[in-house]
Amino acid sequence: MTFAAALRSILRQDPDIIMIGEMRDEETAEIAVRAAITGHLVFSTLHTNDATGAITRLEDMGVADYLVSDALVGVIAQRLVKRLCPECKKRSKTNAKEMEILGITEPISIFRPHGCQFCDNTGYKGRIAVHEIMYMNENMRNAVLREKNLEVLRDLAKRNGMVTLWSSCKSLVEKGVTSIQELMTLNME
């Protein structure tokens, strides 16, 4: 039995919520999107670089743009960044380059990795997720139908209140949870 066949079998049971581990093929994506349109709440994962990438990824998998527009309620993208070691992180002021990266005009206090016995001298202990949350409102639904440029979709999503990976991580830098070096690994915005 294929994954798509199993999904069809599950749909015959009329569930309220469906969790699909990952949409890997066109047939699974099509079934999942049609399930969402017919009133099922569908959760799944896709491999994309950011939240708006889910739109083009579904379309690349053969799902029609009008189905993507109707089916999506929201998209959450996540990445993991290193968490500063709470035992040894060192407070310091931002320099000119860091102020430019953070988009600020006055120096602020941030924390930097140092290294100790608790973190094996790395300056980091564990990881924490940063999230990008995109809501599908009427503006976004219409844009999915007419716009194929990912950057245009991303700009519209930000204007509509999307919390970006960058802003999520920047907040963690300002709170002393992660370092500015980790923010720079996101390579976005």
C-alpha atoms as a PDB file:
ATOM      1  CA  MET A   1       0.000   0.000   0.000  1.00  0.00           C
ATOM      2  CA  THR A   2       1.393   3.403  -0.952  1.00  0.00           C
ATOM      3  CA  PHE A   3       1.385   6.427   1.323  1.00  0.00           C
ATOM      4  CA  ALA A   4      -1.190   8.110  -0.917  1.00  0.00           C
ATOM      5  CA  ALA A   5      -3.432   5.020  -0.770  1.00  0.00           C
ATOM      6  CA  ALA A   6      -3.174   4.991   3.025  1.00  0.00           C
ATOM      7  CA  LEU A   7      -4.100   8.676   3.092  1.00  0.00           C
ATOM      8  CA  ARG A   8      -7.163   8.013   0.918  1.00  0.00           C
ATOM      9  CA  SER A   9      -8.169   5.223   3.312  1.00  0.00           C
ATOM     10  CA  ILE A  10      -7.833   7.572   6.284  1.00  0.00           C
ATOM     11  CA  LEU A  11      -9.984  10.182   4.539  1.00  0.00           C
ATOM     12  CA  ARG A  12     -12.798   7.648   4.155  1.00  0.00           C
ATOM     13  CA  GLN A  13     -12.985   7.579   7.972  1.00  0.00           C
ATOM     14  CA  ASP A  14     -13.878  11.320   7.873  1.00  0.00           C
ATOM     15  CA  PRO A  15     -11.340  12.578  10.440  1.00  0.00           C
ATOM     16  CA  ASP A  16     -11.470  16.162  11.682  1.00  0.00           C
ATOM     17  CA  ILE A  17      -7.681  16.529  11.760  1.00  0.00           C
ATOM     18  CA  ILE A  18      -5.044  14.811   9.637  1.00  0.00           C
ATOM     19  CA  MET A  19      -1.314  14.869  10.361  1.00  0.00           C
ATOM     20  CA  ILE A  20       0.865  13.905   7.412  1.00  0.00           C
ATOM     21  CA  GLY A  21       4.510  13.429   8.321  1.00  0.00           C
ATOM     22  CA  GLU A  22       5.865  14.895   5.102  1.00  0.00           C
ATOM     23  CA  MET A  23       4.494  15.607   1.662  1.00  0.00           C
ATOM     24  CA  ARG A  24       7.080  14.038  -0.621  1.00  0.00           C
ATOM     25  CA  ASP A  25       5.216  13.490  -3.860  1.00  0.00           C
ATOM     26  CA  GLU A  26       2.630  15.072  -6.107  1.00  0.00           C
ATOM     27  CA  GLU A  27      -0.118  12.566  -5.321  1.00  0.00           C
ATOM     28  CA  THR A  28       0.170  13.012  -1.537  1.00  0.00           C
ATOM     29  CA  ALA A  29       0.240  16.808  -1.873  1.00  0.00           C
ATOM     30  CA  GLU A  30      -2.838  16.776  -4.104  1.00  0.00           C
ATOM     31  CA  ILE A  31      -4.791  14.538  -1.699  1.00  0.00           C
ATOM     32  CA  ALA A  32      -3.764  16.637   1.320  1.00  0.00           C
ATOM     33  CA  VAL A  33      -4.754  19.908  -0.347  1.00  0.00           C
ATOM     34  CA  ARG A  34      -8.111  18.522  -1.463  1.00  0.00           C
ATOM     35  CA  ALA A  35      -8.706  17.225   2.086  1.00  0.00           C
ATOM     36  CA  ALA A  36      -8.033  20.716   3.447  1.00  0.00           C
ATOM     37  CA  ILE A  37     -10.450  22.259   0.960  1.00  0.00           C
ATOM     38  CA  THR A  38     -13.188  19.814   1.963  1.00  0.00           C
ATOM     39  CA  GLY A  39     -13.054  20.862   5.613  1.00  0.00           C
ATOM     40  CA  HIS A  40     -10.319  18.739   7.173  1.00  0.00           C
ATOM     41  CA  LEU A  41      -7.602  20.430   9.192  1.00  0.00           C
ATOM     42  CA  VAL A  42      -4.375  19.114   7.642  1.00  0.00           C
ATOM     43  CA  PHE A  43      -0.909  19.464   9.163  1.00  0.00           C
ATOM     44  CA  SER A  44       2.172  18.444   7.243  1.00  0.00           C
ATOM     45  CA  THR A  45       5.820  19.205   6.649  1.00  0.00           C
ATOM     46  CA  LEU A  46       7.650  20.303   3.521  1.00  0.00           C
ATOM     47  CA  HIS A  47      11.297  21.016   2.859  1.00  0.00           C
ATOM     48  CA  THR A  48      11.593  24.735   2.071  1.00  0.00           C
ATOM     49  CA  ASN A  49      13.902  27.578   3.085  1.00  0.00           C
ATOM     50  CA  ASP A  50      11.137  29.747   4.513  1.00  0.00           C
ATOM     51  CA  ALA A  51       7.368  30.017   4.928  1.00  0.00           C
ATOM     52  CA  THR A  52       6.627  31.539   1.526  1.00  0.00           C
ATOM     53  CA  GLY A  53       8.643  28.754  -0.058  1.00  0.00           C
ATOM     54  CA  ALA A  54       5.808  26.371   0.881  1.00  0.00           C
ATOM     55  CA  ILE A  55       3.598  28.056  -1.720  1.00  0.00           C
ATOM     56  CA  THR A  56       6.009  27.528  -4.584  1.00  0.00           C
ATOM     57  CA  ARG A  57       6.980  24.065  -3.322  1.00  0.00           C
ATOM     58  CA  LEU A  58       3.352  22.905  -3.479  1.00  0.00           C
ATOM     59  CA  GLU A  59       2.996  24.411  -6.952  1.00  0.00           C
ATOM     60  CA  ASP A  60       6.248  22.718  -8.028  1.00  0.00           C
ATOM     61  CA  MET A  61       4.720  19.440  -6.825  1.00  0.00           C
ATOM     62  CA  GLY A  62       1.894  19.951  -9.303  1.00  0.00           C
ATOM     63  CA  VAL A  63      -0.778  21.433  -7.031  1.00  0.00           C
ATOM     64  CA  ALA A  64      -2.704  24.146  -8.899  1.00  0.00           C
ATOM     65  CA  ASP A  65      -2.323  27.678  -7.550  1.00  0.00           C
ATOM     66  CA  TYR A  66      -6.077  28.032  -6.950  1.00  0.00           C
ATOM     67  CA  LEU A  67      -5.981  24.904  -4.753  1.00  0.00           C
ATOM     68  CA  VAL A  68      -2.958  26.199  -2.811  1.00  0.00           C
ATOM     69  CA  SER A  69      -4.723  29.532  -2.347  1.00  0.00           C
ATOM     70  CA  ASP A  70      -7.877  27.861  -1.013  1.00  0.00           C
ATOM     71  CA  ALA A  71      -6.193  25.208   1.131  1.00  0.00           C
ATOM     72  CA  LEU A  72      -3.524  27.094   3.074  1.00  0.00           C
ATOM     73  CA  VAL A  73      -4.482  28.732   6.360  1.00  0.00           C
ATOM     74  CA  GLY A  74      -0.939  29.430   7.481  1.00  0.00           C
ATOM     75  CA  VAL A  75       2.628  28.224   7.244  1.00  0.00           C
ATOM     76  CA  ILE A  76       5.263  27.949   9.953  1.00  0.00           C
ATOM     77  CA  ALA A  77       8.926  27.617   9.021  1.00  0.00           C
ATOM     78  CA  GLN A  78      11.486  26.790  11.659  1.00  0.00           C
ATOM     79  CA  ARG A  79      15.241  26.641  12.030  1.00  0.00           C
ATOM     80  CA  LEU A  80      17.413  25.769  14.982  1.00  0.00           C
ATOM     81  CA  VAL A  81      20.086  28.143  16.260  1.00  0.00           C
ATOM     82  CA  LYS A  82      22.635  27.575  18.997  1.00  0.00           C
ATOM     83  CA  ARG A  83      21.666  28.696  22.502  1.00  0.00           C
ATOM     84  CA  LEU A  84      24.302  30.658  24.418  1.00  0.00           C
ATOM     85  CA  CYS A  85      25.674  28.845  27.457  1.00  0.00           C
ATOM     86  CA  PRO A  86      23.992  30.455  30.490  1.00  0.00           C
ATOM     87  CA  GLU A  87      27.082  29.751  32.623  1.00  0.00           C
ATOM     88  CA  CYS A  88      29.658  31.663  30.592  1.00  0.00           C
ATOM     89  CA  LYS A  89      28.006  34.056  28.119  1.00  0.00           C
ATOM     90  CA  LYS A  90      29.574  37.514  28.277  1.00  0.00           C
ATOM     91  CA  ARG A  91      27.711  40.804  28.021  1.00  0.00           C
ATOM     92  CA  SER A  92      29.115  43.498  25.733  1.00  0.00           C
ATOM     93  CA  LYS A  93      27.989  46.430  23.607  1.00  0.00           C
ATOM     94  CA  THR A  94      27.292  46.106  19.892  1.00  0.00           C
ATOM     95  CA  ASN A  95      29.922  47.475  17.534  1.00  0.00           C
ATOM     96  CA  ALA A  96      29.173  49.516  14.390  1.00  0.00           C
ATOM     97  CA  LYS A  97      28.895  46.474  12.102  1.00  0.00           C
ATOM     98  CA  GLU A  98      26.560  44.681  14.538  1.00  0.00           C
ATOM     99  CA  MET A  99      24.406  47.805  14.872  1.00  0.00           C
ATOM    100  CA  GLU A 100      24.092  47.859  11.085  1.00  0.00           C
ATOM    101  CA  ILE A 101      23.134  44.168  11.031  1.00  0.00           C
ATOM    102  CA  LEU A 102      20.531  44.715  13.761  1.00  0.00           C
ATOM    103  CA  GLY A 103      19.221  47.870  12.076  1.00  0.00           C
ATOM    104  CA  ILE A 104      19.797  50.071  15.128  1.00  0.00           C
ATOM    105  CA  THR A 105      21.508  53.448  15.545  1.00  0.00           C
ATOM    106  CA  GLU A 106      22.543  53.250  19.204  1.00  0.00           C
ATOM    107  CA  PRO A 107      24.623  50.479  20.812  1.00  0.00           C
ATOM    108  CA  ILE A 108      22.781  47.912  22.912  1.00  0.00           C
ATOM    109  CA  SER A 109      23.961  45.188  25.277  1.00  0.00           C
ATOM    110  CA  ILE A 110      24.143  41.734  23.757  1.00  0.00           C
ATOM    111  CA  PHE A 111      25.758  38.507  24.889  1.00  0.00           C
ATOM    112  CA  ARG A 112      28.639  36.707  23.237  1.00  0.00           C
ATOM    113  CA  PRO A 113      29.811  33.087  23.477  1.00  0.00           C
ATOM    114  CA  HIS A 114      32.806  32.554  25.749  1.00  0.00           C
ATOM    115  CA  GLY A 115      33.363  28.901  26.683  1.00  0.00           C
ATOM    116  CA  CYS A 116      33.553  26.969  29.933  1.00  0.00           C
ATOM    117  CA  GLN A 117      33.495  23.424  31.316  1.00  0.00           C
ATOM    118  CA  PHE A 118      29.677  23.263  31.106  1.00  0.00           C
ATOM    119  CA  CYS A 119      29.617  23.836  27.337  1.00  0.00           C
ATOM    120  CA  ASP A 120      32.877  22.076  26.390  1.00  0.00           C
ATOM    121  CA  ASN A 121      34.416  25.505  25.736  1.00  0.00           C
ATOM    122  CA  THR A 122      32.089  26.192  22.804  1.00  0.00           C
ATOM    123  CA  GLY A 123      30.111  29.050  24.355  1.00  0.00           C
ATOM    124  CA  TYR A 124      26.869  27.304  23.418  1.00  0.00           C
ATOM    125  CA  LYS A 125      24.666  24.784  25.216  1.00  0.00           C
ATOM    126  CA  GLY A 126      21.786  23.313  23.257  1.00  0.00           C
ATOM    127  CA  ARG A 127      19.691  24.829  20.517  1.00  0.00           C
ATOM    128  CA  ILE A 128      16.486  26.805  20.251  1.00  0.00           C
ATOM    129  CA  ALA A 129      13.963  27.136  17.429  1.00  0.00           C
ATOM    130  CA  VAL A 130      13.315  30.358  15.568  1.00  0.00           C
ATOM    131  CA  HIS A 131      10.028  30.532  13.697  1.00  0.00           C
ATOM    132  CA  GLU A 132       8.579  32.262  10.685  1.00  0.00           C
ATOM    133  CA  ILE A 133       4.801  32.479  10.759  1.00  0.00           C
ATOM    134  CA  MET A 134       2.837  33.390   7.641  1.00  0.00           C
ATOM    135  CA  TYR A 135      -0.928  33.863   7.771  1.00  0.00           C
ATOM    136  CA  MET A 136      -2.999  33.429   4.642  1.00  0.00           C
ATOM    137  CA  ASN A 137      -5.385  36.368   4.484  1.00  0.00           C
ATOM    138  CA  GLU A 138      -7.338  37.528   1.422  1.00  0.00           C
ATOM    139  CA  ASN A 139      -4.404  39.590   0.116  1.00  0.00           C
ATOM    140  CA  MET A 140      -2.100  36.568   0.259  1.00  0.00           C
ATOM    141  CA  ARG A 141      -4.700  34.279  -1.341  1.00  0.00           C
ATOM    142  CA  ASN A 142      -5.098  36.678  -4.266  1.00  0.00           C
ATOM    143  CA  ALA A 143      -1.322  37.055  -4.613  1.00  0.00           C
ATOM    144  CA  VAL A 144      -0.865  33.272  -4.832  1.00  0.00           C
ATOM    145  CA  LEU A 145      -3.178  33.291  -7.855  1.00  0.00           C
ATOM    146  CA  ARG A 146      -1.468  36.122  -9.734  1.00  0.00           C
ATOM    147  CA  GLU A 147       2.143  36.238  -8.520  1.00  0.00           C
ATOM    148  CA  LYS A 148       4.855  33.657  -9.171  1.00  0.00           C
ATOM    149  CA  ASN A 149       7.820  35.654  -7.866  1.00  0.00           C
ATOM    150  CA  LEU A 150       8.788  34.363  -4.427  1.00  0.00           C
ATOM    151  CA  GLU A 151      10.294  37.692  -3.321  1.00  0.00           C
ATOM    152  CA  VAL A 152       7.077  39.557  -4.162  1.00  0.00           C
ATOM    153  CA  LEU A 153       5.075  36.991  -2.160  1.00  0.00           C
ATOM    154  CA  ARG A 154       7.543  37.295   0.725  1.00  0.00           C
ATOM    155  CA  ASP A 155       7.322  41.105   0.749  1.00  0.00           C
ATOM    156  CA  LEU A 156       3.527  40.944   0.772  1.00  0.00           C
ATOM    157  CA  ALA A 157       3.569  38.381   3.590  1.00  0.00           C
ATOM    158  CA  LYS A 158       5.810  40.684   5.651  1.00  0.00           C
ATOM    159  CA  ARG A 159       3.502  43.645   5.007  1.00  0.00           C
ATOM    160  CA  ASN A 160       0.629  41.433   6.187  1.00  0.00           C
ATOM    161  CA  GLY A 161       2.371  40.765   9.502  1.00  0.00           C
ATOM    162  CA  MET A 162       4.500  37.690   8.853  1.00  0.00           C
ATOM    163  CA  VAL A 163       6.961  37.093  11.670  1.00  0.00           C
ATOM    164  CA  THR A 164      10.215  36.276   9.851  1.00  0.00           C
ATOM    165  CA  LEU A 165      13.002  33.904  10.871  1.00  0.00           C
ATOM    166  CA  TRP A 166      15.280  36.937  11.004  1.00  0.00           C
ATOM    167  CA  SER A 167      13.036  38.962  13.348  1.00  0.00           C
ATOM    168  CA  SER A 168      12.442  35.907  15.536  1.00  0.00           C
ATOM    169  CA  CYS A 169      16.190  35.305  15.877  1.00  0.00           C
ATOM    170  CA  LYS A 170      16.946  39.031  16.295  1.00  0.00           C
ATOM    171  CA  SER A 171      14.600  39.043  19.281  1.00  0.00           C
ATOM    172  CA  LEU A 172      16.553  36.136  20.807  1.00  0.00           C
ATOM    173  CA  VAL A 173      19.830  38.026  20.272  1.00  0.00           C
ATOM    174  CA  GLU A 174      18.389  41.084  22.029  1.00  0.00           C
ATOM    175  CA  LYS A 175      17.202  38.886  24.928  1.00  0.00           C
ATOM    176  CA  GLY A 176      20.632  37.257  25.288  1.00  0.00           C
ATOM    177  CA  VAL A 177      19.449  33.775  24.302  1.00  0.00           C
ATOM    178  CA  THR A 178      21.608  33.436  21.183  1.00  0.00           C
ATOM    179  CA  SER A 179      24.468  35.307  19.551  1.00  0.00           C
ATOM    180  CA  ILE A 180      24.613  37.711  16.654  1.00  0.00           C
ATOM    181  CA  GLN A 181      26.777  35.123  14.861  1.00  0.00           C
ATOM    182  CA  GLU A 182      23.800  32.756  14.883  1.00  0.00           C
ATOM    183  CA  LEU A 183      21.569  35.517  13.508  1.00  0.00           C
ATOM    184  CA  MET A 184      24.013  35.982  10.648  1.00  0.00           C
ATOM    185  CA  THR A 185      23.808  32.273   9.761  1.00  0.00           C
ATOM    186  CA  LEU A 186      20.173  32.812   8.753  1.00  0.00           C
ATOM    187  CA  ASN A 187      21.421  34.911   5.834  1.00  0.00           C
ATOM    188  CA  MET A 188      18.017  36.523   5.231  1.00  0.00           C
ATOM    189  CA  GLU A 189      16.081  39.785   5.160  1.00  0.00           C
END
